């Protein structure tokens, strides 16, 4: 389920929220910055050359978080709350993925059991058609028995085909619920 995009997105949101908490904690510490500027000065464009009109400046800057009025602490609390919200959303995404996976597994399993029963019924119906045809050819029964056996056979064959389609749809739902990504499929 790690391949599911909703779970990957929730994990990325937790990572981003954790980074924002770290950023908010970093605001408690002083910042050191090295500033610099350079340029040339001339009254006309063609007079810009190396010489007396050049200026350079370099210097450090320090920013201390002394008088912030609780702004940094409140920002940290906000980022902590966002992190907790991201964790809750992640848990919700995982639970939804588990529920979807379980539903798909149950649906696939039930349809597989139904398909097996229908295959058995079709085999029995084929035998009934064969026996009723033999009885009709021997003159022991009328053709209505053959038609009834064929009707049951065709009805169960139709249900079997529908069950195979439903089983394939449930298998696709299972692959989707688990995040997909398989190269070969073994089914039956």
N, C-alpha and C. Protein backbone atom coordinates (compact mmCIF):
# COMPACT_ATOMS: atom_id res chain seq x y z
N UNK A 1 0.82 -1.19 0.00
CA UNK A 1 0.00 0.00 0.00
C UNK A 1 0.87 1.26 0.00
N UNK A 2 2.18 1.09 0.13
CA UNK A 2 3.05 2.25 0.10
C UNK A 2 3.05 2.93 -1.27
N UNK A 3 2.61 2.21 -2.30
CA UNK A 3 2.58 2.79 -3.65
C UNK A 3 1.34 3.65 -3.88
N UNK A 4 0.40 3.61 -2.98
CA UNK A 4 -0.83 4.39 -3.18
C UNK A 4 -0.52 5.88 -3.15
N UNK A 5 -1.05 6.63 -4.11
CA UNK A 5 -0.75 8.06 -4.16
C UNK A 5 -1.30 8.84 -2.98
N UNK A 6 -2.44 8.42 -2.43
CA UNK A 6 -2.99 9.16 -1.29
C UNK A 6 -2.11 9.00 -0.05
N UNK A 7 -1.54 7.82 0.13
CA UNK A 7 -0.66 7.60 1.27
C UNK A 7 0.67 8.32 1.05
N UNK A 8 1.18 8.30 -0.17
CA UNK A 8 2.42 9.02 -0.47
C UNK A 8 2.24 10.52 -0.24
N UNK A 9 1.09 11.04 -0.63
CA UNK A 9 0.82 12.46 -0.44
C UNK A 9 0.76 12.79 1.06
N UNK A 10 0.10 11.93 1.83
CA UNK A 10 0.00 12.17 3.28
C UNK A 10 1.39 12.12 3.92
N UNK A 11 2.25 11.20 3.47
CA UNK A 11 3.62 11.14 4.00
C UNK A 11 4.38 12.41 3.66
N UNK A 12 4.21 12.90 2.44
CA UNK A 12 4.90 14.13 2.04
C UNK A 12 4.40 15.32 2.85
N UNK A 13 3.12 15.34 3.17
CA UNK A 13 2.58 16.43 3.98
C UNK A 13 3.17 16.39 5.40
N UNK A 14 3.37 15.20 5.94
CA UNK A 14 3.99 15.08 7.26
C UNK A 14 5.43 15.59 7.20
N UNK A 15 6.15 15.21 6.14
CA UNK A 15 7.55 15.66 6.01
C UNK A 15 7.61 17.19 5.91
N UNK A 16 6.70 17.77 5.14
CA UNK A 16 6.68 19.23 4.99
C UNK A 16 6.32 19.91 6.30
N UNK A 17 5.35 19.36 7.01
CA UNK A 17 4.95 19.95 8.30
C UNK A 17 6.08 19.84 9.32
N UNK A 18 6.81 18.74 9.30
CA UNK A 18 7.95 18.57 10.20
C UNK A 18 9.03 19.61 9.88
N UNK A 19 9.25 19.85 8.59
CA UNK A 19 10.24 20.86 8.20
C UNK A 19 9.80 22.25 8.66
N UNK A 20 8.50 22.55 8.57
CA UNK A 20 8.01 23.85 9.02
C UNK A 20 8.15 24.01 10.54
N UNK A 21 8.00 22.91 11.29
CA UNK A 21 8.22 22.97 12.74
C UNK A 21 9.68 23.28 13.01
N UNK A 22 10.59 22.65 12.28
CA UNK A 22 12.01 22.93 12.44
C UNK A 22 12.34 24.37 12.09
N UNK A 23 11.69 24.89 11.07
CA UNK A 23 11.87 26.29 10.69
C UNK A 23 11.40 27.22 11.80
N UNK A 24 10.27 26.90 12.39
CA UNK A 24 9.74 27.72 13.48
C UNK A 24 10.66 27.67 14.70
N UNK A 25 11.26 26.52 14.97
CA UNK A 25 12.21 26.41 16.09
C UNK A 25 13.48 27.20 15.81
N UNK A 26 13.87 27.26 14.54
CA UNK A 26 15.09 27.99 14.17
C UNK A 26 14.93 29.48 14.41
N UNK A 27 13.70 29.97 14.44
CA UNK A 27 13.47 31.40 14.68
C UNK A 27 13.83 31.83 16.10
N UNK A 28 14.02 30.89 17.01
CA UNK A 28 14.43 31.21 18.38
C UNK A 28 15.90 31.62 18.46
N UNK A 29 16.67 31.28 17.44
CA UNK A 29 18.12 31.51 17.47
C UNK A 29 18.48 32.74 16.65
N UNK A 30 19.61 33.37 16.97
CA UNK A 30 20.02 34.54 16.19
C UNK A 30 20.40 34.15 14.77
N UNK A 31 20.26 35.13 13.88
CA UNK A 31 20.61 34.91 12.47
C UNK A 31 21.82 35.78 12.14
N UNK A 32 22.75 35.18 11.47
CA UNK A 32 23.94 35.88 11.02
C UNK A 32 23.91 35.93 9.50
N UNK A 33 24.08 37.14 8.96
CA UNK A 33 24.02 37.33 7.53
C UNK A 33 25.23 38.14 7.10
N UNK A 34 25.83 37.78 5.99
CA UNK A 34 26.94 38.53 5.43
C UNK A 34 26.39 39.28 4.22
N UNK A 35 26.41 40.60 4.28
CA UNK A 35 25.88 41.44 3.22
C UNK A 35 27.01 42.02 2.40
N UNK A 36 26.75 42.23 1.14
CA UNK A 36 27.76 42.84 0.29
C UNK A 36 27.11 43.54 -0.88
N UNK A 37 27.80 44.60 -1.37
CA UNK A 37 27.30 45.30 -2.55
C UNK A 37 28.50 45.84 -3.32
N UNK A 38 28.32 45.96 -4.60
CA UNK A 38 29.37 46.50 -5.46
C UNK A 38 28.69 47.21 -6.61
N UNK A 39 29.36 48.22 -7.16
CA UNK A 39 28.77 48.92 -8.29
C UNK A 39 29.72 49.91 -8.90
N UNK A 40 29.24 50.55 -9.95
CA UNK A 40 29.98 51.60 -10.63
C UNK A 40 29.07 52.79 -10.78
N UNK A 41 29.69 53.96 -10.78
CA UNK A 41 28.90 55.17 -10.84
C UNK A 41 29.48 56.07 -11.93
N UNK A 42 28.60 56.59 -12.79
CA UNK A 42 29.03 57.51 -13.84
C UNK A 42 27.85 58.38 -14.22
N UNK A 43 28.16 59.55 -14.76
CA UNK A 43 27.08 60.45 -15.17
C UNK A 43 26.55 60.11 -16.55
N UNK A 44 27.35 59.42 -17.37
CA UNK A 44 26.90 58.99 -18.70
C UNK A 44 27.28 57.53 -18.89
N UNK A 45 26.57 56.88 -19.77
CA UNK A 45 26.74 55.44 -19.96
C UNK A 45 28.15 55.11 -20.48
N UNK A 46 28.71 55.90 -21.35
CA UNK A 46 30.02 55.58 -21.91
C UNK A 46 31.17 55.88 -20.93
N UNK A 47 30.88 56.53 -19.82
CA UNK A 47 31.90 56.84 -18.83
C UNK A 47 32.09 55.73 -17.79
N UNK A 48 31.33 54.61 -17.91
CA UNK A 48 31.45 53.53 -16.92
C UNK A 48 32.70 52.73 -17.24
N UNK A 49 33.72 52.92 -16.45
CA UNK A 49 34.99 52.19 -16.57
C UNK A 49 35.50 51.92 -15.17
N UNK A 50 36.52 51.11 -15.10
CA UNK A 50 37.15 50.89 -13.81
C UNK A 50 37.90 52.17 -13.42
N UNK A 51 37.69 52.58 -12.21
CA UNK A 51 38.37 53.80 -11.78
C UNK A 51 37.74 54.35 -10.53
N UNK A 52 37.65 55.66 -10.46
CA UNK A 52 37.21 56.33 -9.25
C UNK A 52 35.71 56.16 -8.99
N UNK A 53 34.90 55.82 -9.95
CA UNK A 53 33.46 55.71 -9.77
C UNK A 53 33.01 54.37 -9.21
N UNK A 54 33.95 53.51 -8.89
CA UNK A 54 33.59 52.19 -8.37
C UNK A 54 33.39 52.27 -6.85
N UNK A 55 32.43 51.45 -6.34
CA UNK A 55 32.26 51.38 -4.89
C UNK A 55 31.98 49.93 -4.50
N UNK A 56 32.42 49.57 -3.31
CA UNK A 56 32.25 48.23 -2.77
C UNK A 56 31.88 48.34 -1.31
N UNK A 57 31.09 47.41 -0.84
CA UNK A 57 30.73 47.40 0.57
C UNK A 57 30.48 45.97 1.04
N UNK A 58 31.04 45.59 2.17
CA UNK A 58 30.87 44.26 2.74
C UNK A 58 30.69 44.44 4.23
N UNK A 59 29.75 43.65 4.80
CA UNK A 59 29.58 43.74 6.23
C UNK A 59 28.64 42.69 6.77
N UNK A 60 28.81 42.35 8.03
CA UNK A 60 27.93 41.35 8.65
C UNK A 60 26.67 42.02 9.21
N UNK A 61 25.65 41.19 9.38
CA UNK A 61 24.42 41.64 10.02
C UNK A 61 23.98 40.55 10.98
N UNK A 62 23.46 40.93 12.13
CA UNK A 62 22.99 39.99 13.14
C UNK A 62 21.55 40.36 13.48
N UNK A 63 20.69 39.34 13.52
CA UNK A 63 19.29 39.54 13.89
C UNK A 63 19.02 38.71 15.13
N UNK A 64 18.62 39.36 16.21
CA UNK A 64 18.34 38.66 17.46
C UNK A 64 16.84 38.68 17.74
N UNK A 65 16.27 37.52 18.06
CA UNK A 65 14.83 37.46 18.36
C UNK A 65 14.55 37.82 19.82
N UNK A 66 14.72 39.07 20.16
CA UNK A 66 14.56 39.47 21.57
C UNK A 66 13.15 39.97 21.85
N UNK A 67 12.69 40.95 21.11
CA UNK A 67 11.39 41.57 21.38
C UNK A 67 10.38 41.14 20.31
N UNK A 68 9.94 39.90 20.38
CA UNK A 68 8.99 39.40 19.38
C UNK A 68 7.58 39.31 19.92
N UNK A 69 7.40 39.54 21.18
CA UNK A 69 6.06 39.55 21.76
C UNK A 69 5.35 38.20 21.70
N UNK A 70 6.09 37.12 21.76
CA UNK A 70 5.46 35.80 21.73
C UNK A 70 5.11 35.31 20.34
N UNK A 71 5.47 36.08 19.32
CA UNK A 71 5.15 35.70 17.94
C UNK A 71 5.82 34.39 17.56
N UNK A 72 7.06 34.19 17.97
CA UNK A 72 7.79 32.97 17.60
C UNK A 72 7.16 31.76 18.27
N UNK A 73 6.80 31.89 19.56
CA UNK A 73 6.17 30.76 20.26
C UNK A 73 4.81 30.42 19.64
N UNK A 74 4.05 31.43 19.31
CA UNK A 74 2.74 31.15 18.70
C UNK A 74 2.90 30.53 17.32
N UNK A 75 3.89 30.96 16.57
CA UNK A 75 4.15 30.35 15.26
C UNK A 75 4.56 28.88 15.42
N UNK A 76 5.36 28.59 16.44
CA UNK A 76 5.75 27.21 16.71
C UNK A 76 4.52 26.37 17.08
N UNK A 77 3.62 26.92 17.89
CA UNK A 77 2.40 26.18 18.25
C UNK A 77 1.52 25.94 17.01
N UNK A 78 1.46 26.92 16.13
CA UNK A 78 0.68 26.75 14.89
C UNK A 78 1.27 25.64 14.05
N UNK A 79 2.59 25.63 13.89
CA UNK A 79 3.23 24.60 13.08
C UNK A 79 3.11 23.22 13.72
N UNK A 80 3.17 23.16 15.05
CA UNK A 80 2.95 21.87 15.75
C UNK A 80 1.52 21.37 15.49
N UNK A 81 0.57 22.28 15.53
CA UNK A 81 -0.83 21.89 15.27
C UNK A 81 -0.99 21.41 13.84
N UNK A 82 -0.32 22.05 12.90
CA UNK A 82 -0.38 21.60 11.50
C UNK A 82 0.26 20.24 11.33
N UNK A 83 1.33 20.00 12.07
CA UNK A 83 1.97 18.68 12.03
C UNK A 83 1.02 17.61 12.57
N UNK A 84 0.36 17.90 13.68
CA UNK A 84 -0.60 16.94 14.23
C UNK A 84 -1.74 16.69 13.25
N UNK A 85 -2.19 17.73 12.58
CA UNK A 85 -3.24 17.57 11.57
C UNK A 85 -2.75 16.68 10.42
N UNK A 86 -1.51 16.85 10.01
CA UNK A 86 -0.96 16.01 8.94
C UNK A 86 -0.87 14.56 9.38
N UNK A 87 -0.51 14.34 10.64
CA UNK A 87 -0.43 12.96 11.16
C UNK A 87 -1.83 12.33 11.18
N UNK A 88 -2.82 13.10 11.58
CA UNK A 88 -4.20 12.58 11.60
C UNK A 88 -4.67 12.28 10.18
N UNK A 89 -4.35 13.15 9.23
CA UNK A 89 -4.73 12.90 7.84
C UNK A 89 -4.03 11.66 7.30
N UNK A 90 -2.78 11.45 7.70
CA UNK A 90 -2.05 10.25 7.28
C UNK A 90 -2.72 8.99 7.83
N UNK A 91 -3.03 9.02 9.10
CA UNK A 91 -3.71 7.86 9.71
C UNK A 91 -5.05 7.60 9.03
N UNK A 92 -5.76 8.66 8.73
CA UNK A 92 -7.05 8.51 8.04
C UNK A 92 -6.86 7.90 6.66
N UNK A 93 -5.83 8.34 5.95
CA UNK A 93 -5.56 7.78 4.61
C UNK A 93 -5.19 6.30 4.70
N UNK A 94 -4.41 5.94 5.71
CA UNK A 94 -4.02 4.53 5.89
C UNK A 94 -5.25 3.69 6.23
N UNK A 95 -6.09 4.19 7.13
CA UNK A 95 -7.30 3.43 7.50
C UNK A 95 -8.24 3.28 6.29
N UNK A 96 -8.39 4.33 5.51
CA UNK A 96 -9.23 4.24 4.31
C UNK A 96 -8.65 3.24 3.32
N UNK A 97 -7.33 3.22 3.18
CA UNK A 97 -6.68 2.27 2.28
C UNK A 97 -6.87 0.84 2.77
N UNK A 98 -6.76 0.65 4.08
CA UNK A 98 -6.97 -0.69 4.63
C UNK A 98 -8.41 -1.15 4.43
N UNK A 99 -9.35 -0.24 4.64
CA UNK A 99 -10.76 -0.59 4.44
C UNK A 99 -11.02 -0.94 2.98
N UNK A 100 -10.49 -0.14 2.08
CA UNK A 100 -10.69 -0.40 0.65
C UNK A 100 -10.06 -1.74 0.26
N UNK A 101 -8.88 -2.02 0.78
CA UNK A 101 -8.20 -3.28 0.48
C UNK A 101 -8.97 -4.47 1.02
N UNK A 102 -9.46 -4.34 2.24
CA UNK A 102 -10.23 -5.44 2.84
C UNK A 102 -11.52 -5.69 2.06
N UNK A 103 -12.21 -4.62 1.70
CA UNK A 103 -13.44 -4.79 0.91
C UNK A 103 -13.16 -5.46 -0.43
N UNK A 104 -12.06 -5.06 -1.06
CA UNK A 104 -11.71 -5.66 -2.35
C UNK A 104 -11.34 -7.13 -2.18
N UNK A 105 -10.61 -7.46 -1.12
CA UNK A 105 -10.25 -8.86 -0.86
C UNK A 105 -11.49 -9.71 -0.61
N UNK A 106 -12.39 -9.20 0.21
CA UNK A 106 -13.61 -9.95 0.52
C UNK A 106 -14.46 -10.12 -0.74
N UNK A 107 -14.60 -9.06 -1.52
CA UNK A 107 -15.39 -9.15 -2.76
C UNK A 107 -14.79 -10.15 -3.72
N UNK A 108 -13.47 -10.13 -3.87
CA UNK A 108 -12.81 -11.08 -4.77
C UNK A 108 -12.98 -12.52 -4.28
N UNK A 109 -12.80 -12.72 -2.99
CA UNK A 109 -12.92 -14.06 -2.42
C UNK A 109 -14.34 -14.61 -2.57
N UNK A 110 -15.33 -13.77 -2.27
CA UNK A 110 -16.73 -14.22 -2.40
C UNK A 110 -17.07 -14.54 -3.85
N UNK A 111 -16.59 -13.72 -4.77
CA UNK A 111 -16.90 -13.96 -6.18
C UNK A 111 -16.18 -15.21 -6.68
N UNK A 112 -15.00 -15.47 -6.16
CA UNK A 112 -14.29 -16.68 -6.54
C UNK A 112 -15.05 -17.92 -6.07
N UNK A 113 -15.58 -17.88 -4.85
CA UNK A 113 -16.39 -19.00 -4.34
C UNK A 113 -17.65 -19.18 -5.18
N UNK A 114 -18.29 -18.06 -5.53
CA UNK A 114 -19.51 -18.12 -6.37
C UNK A 114 -19.18 -18.71 -7.74
N UNK A 115 -18.05 -18.29 -8.32
CA UNK A 115 -17.66 -18.81 -9.63
C UNK A 115 -17.42 -20.32 -9.57
N UNK A 116 -16.78 -20.79 -8.51
CA UNK A 116 -16.53 -22.22 -8.38
C UNK A 116 -17.84 -23.00 -8.28
N UNK A 117 -18.81 -22.47 -7.52
CA UNK A 117 -20.12 -23.14 -7.42
C UNK A 117 -20.83 -23.15 -8.77
N UNK A 118 -20.75 -22.04 -9.51
CA UNK A 118 -21.39 -21.98 -10.82
C UNK A 118 -20.71 -22.92 -11.82
N UNK A 119 -19.39 -23.06 -11.74
CA UNK A 119 -18.71 -24.02 -12.62
C UNK A 119 -19.19 -25.44 -12.34
N UNK A 120 -19.36 -25.76 -11.06
CA UNK A 120 -19.89 -27.08 -10.68
C UNK A 120 -21.32 -27.25 -11.19
N UNK A 121 -22.13 -26.20 -11.08
CA UNK A 121 -23.51 -26.28 -11.56
C UNK A 121 -23.55 -26.45 -13.08
N UNK A 122 -22.67 -25.75 -13.80
CA UNK A 122 -22.63 -25.88 -15.26
C UNK A 122 -22.23 -27.30 -15.64
N UNK A 123 -21.26 -27.86 -14.93
CA UNK A 123 -20.86 -29.25 -15.22
C UNK A 123 -22.02 -30.21 -14.98
N UNK A 124 -22.74 -29.99 -13.89
CA UNK A 124 -23.90 -30.84 -13.60
C UNK A 124 -24.98 -30.66 -14.66
N UNK A 125 -25.21 -29.41 -15.08
CA UNK A 125 -26.21 -29.15 -16.12
C UNK A 125 -25.82 -29.78 -17.45
N UNK A 126 -24.55 -29.79 -17.78
CA UNK A 126 -24.10 -30.42 -19.02
C UNK A 126 -24.37 -31.93 -18.98
N UNK A 127 -24.12 -32.51 -17.80
CA UNK A 127 -24.41 -33.94 -17.63
C UNK A 127 -25.92 -34.20 -17.72
N UNK A 128 -26.73 -33.29 -17.15
CA UNK A 128 -28.18 -33.44 -17.22
C UNK A 128 -28.67 -33.33 -18.65
N UNK A 129 -28.11 -32.43 -19.43
CA UNK A 129 -28.49 -32.30 -20.85
C UNK A 129 -28.12 -33.57 -21.59
N UNK A 130 -26.95 -34.10 -21.34
CA UNK A 130 -26.51 -35.32 -22.01
C UNK A 130 -27.43 -36.50 -21.67
N UNK A 131 -27.76 -36.64 -20.36
CA UNK A 131 -28.63 -37.74 -19.95
C UNK A 131 -30.05 -37.59 -20.48
N UNK A 132 -30.59 -36.36 -20.44
CA UNK A 132 -31.96 -36.17 -20.94
C UNK A 132 -32.01 -36.39 -22.45
N UNK A 133 -30.94 -36.04 -23.16
CA UNK A 133 -30.89 -36.30 -24.61
C UNK A 133 -30.87 -37.80 -24.89
N UNK A 134 -30.12 -38.55 -24.12
CA UNK A 134 -30.07 -40.00 -24.29
C UNK A 134 -31.43 -40.63 -23.98
N UNK A 135 -32.08 -40.15 -22.90
CA UNK A 135 -33.41 -40.67 -22.56
C UNK A 135 -34.42 -40.35 -23.67
N UNK A 136 -34.31 -39.16 -24.26
CA UNK A 136 -35.22 -38.79 -25.34
C UNK A 136 -34.97 -39.67 -26.56
N UNK A 137 -33.68 -39.91 -26.88
CA UNK A 137 -33.35 -40.74 -28.04
C UNK A 137 -33.81 -42.18 -27.82
N UNK A 138 -33.83 -42.61 -26.56
CA UNK A 138 -34.28 -43.98 -26.26
C UNK A 138 -35.80 -44.05 -26.17
N UNK A 139 -36.45 -42.89 -26.24
CA UNK A 139 -37.91 -42.85 -26.19
C UNK A 139 -38.48 -42.96 -24.80
N UNK A 140 -37.70 -42.72 -23.77
CA UNK A 140 -38.17 -42.85 -22.40
C UNK A 140 -38.72 -41.54 -21.83
N UNK A 141 -38.47 -40.41 -22.49
CA UNK A 141 -38.99 -39.13 -22.03
C UNK A 141 -39.31 -38.26 -23.23
N UNK A 142 -40.01 -37.16 -22.98
CA UNK A 142 -40.34 -36.25 -24.08
C UNK A 142 -39.25 -35.19 -24.24
N UNK A 143 -39.34 -34.41 -25.31
CA UNK A 143 -38.31 -33.42 -25.64
C UNK A 143 -38.33 -32.24 -24.66
N UNK A 144 -39.43 -32.08 -23.93
CA UNK A 144 -39.53 -30.98 -22.97
C UNK A 144 -38.48 -31.11 -21.86
N UNK A 145 -38.14 -32.32 -21.47
CA UNK A 145 -37.10 -32.54 -20.46
C UNK A 145 -35.74 -32.09 -20.98
N UNK A 146 -35.48 -32.33 -22.25
CA UNK A 146 -34.22 -31.89 -22.86
C UNK A 146 -34.17 -30.36 -22.89
N UNK A 147 -35.29 -29.74 -23.27
CA UNK A 147 -35.34 -28.28 -23.33
C UNK A 147 -35.16 -27.65 -21.95
N UNK A 148 -35.78 -28.25 -20.93
CA UNK A 148 -35.61 -27.74 -19.56
C UNK A 148 -34.15 -27.85 -19.11
N UNK A 149 -33.52 -28.96 -19.40
CA UNK A 149 -32.11 -29.15 -19.02
C UNK A 149 -31.23 -28.15 -19.76
N UNK A 150 -31.51 -27.90 -21.05
CA UNK A 150 -30.74 -26.92 -21.81
C UNK A 150 -30.95 -25.49 -21.28
N UNK A 151 -32.19 -25.18 -20.92
CA UNK A 151 -32.50 -23.86 -20.38
C UNK A 151 -31.71 -23.63 -19.09
N UNK A 152 -31.68 -24.62 -18.20
CA UNK A 152 -30.91 -24.50 -16.96
C UNK A 152 -29.41 -24.36 -17.26
N UNK A 153 -28.93 -25.12 -18.23
CA UNK A 153 -27.52 -25.04 -18.59
C UNK A 153 -27.17 -23.65 -19.09
N UNK A 154 -27.98 -23.11 -20.00
CA UNK A 154 -27.69 -21.79 -20.58
C UNK A 154 -27.79 -20.68 -19.52
N UNK A 155 -28.75 -20.82 -18.62
CA UNK A 155 -28.89 -19.82 -17.55
C UNK A 155 -27.66 -19.83 -16.64
N UNK A 156 -27.19 -21.02 -16.28
CA UNK A 156 -26.01 -21.11 -15.41
C UNK A 156 -24.73 -20.71 -16.15
N UNK A 157 -24.66 -20.98 -17.45
CA UNK A 157 -23.51 -20.51 -18.23
C UNK A 157 -23.47 -18.98 -18.28
N UNK A 158 -24.64 -18.37 -18.39
CA UNK A 158 -24.72 -16.91 -18.39
C UNK A 158 -24.27 -16.36 -17.03
N UNK A 159 -24.76 -16.98 -15.96
CA UNK A 159 -24.35 -16.54 -14.62
C UNK A 159 -22.85 -16.74 -14.41
N UNK A 160 -22.30 -17.83 -14.96
CA UNK A 160 -20.86 -18.09 -14.84
C UNK A 160 -20.06 -17.01 -15.58
N UNK A 161 -20.51 -16.62 -16.75
CA UNK A 161 -19.81 -15.56 -17.49
C UNK A 161 -19.88 -14.24 -16.71
N UNK A 162 -21.02 -13.93 -16.14
CA UNK A 162 -21.14 -12.71 -15.33
C UNK A 162 -20.25 -12.78 -14.09
N UNK A 163 -20.15 -13.96 -13.51
CA UNK A 163 -19.31 -14.13 -12.33
C UNK A 163 -17.83 -13.94 -12.69
N UNK A 164 -17.42 -14.44 -13.84
CA UNK A 164 -16.02 -14.25 -14.26
C UNK A 164 -15.72 -12.77 -14.48
N UNK A 165 -16.67 -12.05 -15.05
CA UNK A 165 -16.49 -10.60 -15.24
C UNK A 165 -16.40 -9.90 -13.88
N UNK A 166 -17.30 -10.26 -12.98
CA UNK A 166 -17.30 -9.64 -11.64
C UNK A 166 -16.01 -9.97 -10.89
N UNK A 167 -15.51 -11.19 -11.07
CA UNK A 167 -14.27 -11.55 -10.40
C UNK A 167 -13.10 -10.74 -10.96
N UNK A 168 -13.07 -10.52 -12.26
CA UNK A 168 -12.03 -9.69 -12.86
C UNK A 168 -12.13 -8.25 -12.37
N UNK A 169 -13.34 -7.73 -12.30
CA UNK A 169 -13.54 -6.36 -11.79
C UNK A 169 -13.08 -6.27 -10.34
N UNK A 170 -13.39 -7.29 -9.53
CA UNK A 170 -12.95 -7.29 -8.13
C UNK A 170 -11.43 -7.41 -8.02
N UNK A 171 -10.81 -8.15 -8.93
CA UNK A 171 -9.35 -8.26 -8.92
C UNK A 171 -8.72 -6.91 -9.26
N UNK A 172 -9.30 -6.20 -10.22
CA UNK A 172 -8.80 -4.87 -10.57
C UNK A 172 -8.96 -3.92 -9.38
N UNK A 173 -10.09 -4.01 -8.70
CA UNK A 173 -10.31 -3.17 -7.51
C UNK A 173 -9.29 -3.50 -6.42
N UNK A 174 -8.94 -4.77 -6.30
CA UNK A 174 -7.94 -5.18 -5.32
C UNK A 174 -6.57 -4.61 -5.68
N UNK A 175 -6.18 -4.71 -6.95
CA UNK A 175 -4.90 -4.15 -7.38
C UNK A 175 -4.88 -2.64 -7.15
N UNK A 176 -5.98 -1.99 -7.44
CA UNK A 176 -6.06 -0.55 -7.23
C UNK A 176 -5.96 -0.21 -5.75
N UNK A 177 -6.63 -0.97 -4.90
CA UNK A 177 -6.61 -0.72 -3.46
C UNK A 177 -5.22 -0.94 -2.88
N UNK A 178 -4.47 -1.87 -3.47
CA UNK A 178 -3.13 -2.15 -2.97
C UNK A 178 -2.07 -1.27 -3.61
N UNK A 179 -2.45 -0.42 -4.52
CA UNK A 179 -1.51 0.51 -5.13
C UNK A 179 -0.98 0.07 -6.47
N UNK A 180 -1.39 -1.11 -6.96
CA UNK A 180 -0.98 -1.56 -8.28
C UNK A 180 0.52 -1.76 -8.39
N UNK A 181 0.99 -1.79 -9.64
CA UNK A 181 2.42 -1.87 -9.88
C UNK A 181 2.94 -3.28 -10.17
N UNK A 182 2.08 -4.25 -10.37
CA UNK A 182 2.55 -5.59 -10.66
C UNK A 182 2.71 -5.76 -12.16
N UNK A 183 3.72 -6.53 -12.56
CA UNK A 183 3.98 -6.74 -13.98
C UNK A 183 3.20 -7.92 -14.53
N UNK A 184 3.08 -8.99 -13.77
CA UNK A 184 2.34 -10.16 -14.25
C UNK A 184 1.22 -10.47 -13.26
N UNK A 185 0.17 -11.08 -13.80
CA UNK A 185 -1.01 -11.35 -12.99
C UNK A 185 -1.27 -12.86 -13.03
N UNK A 186 -1.34 -13.48 -11.87
CA UNK A 186 -1.70 -14.89 -11.77
C UNK A 186 -3.10 -14.94 -11.17
N UNK A 187 -4.06 -15.43 -11.95
CA UNK A 187 -5.44 -15.44 -11.47
C UNK A 187 -6.11 -16.73 -11.87
N UNK A 188 -7.04 -17.17 -11.12
CA UNK A 188 -7.85 -18.39 -11.26
C UNK A 188 -8.04 -19.00 -9.92
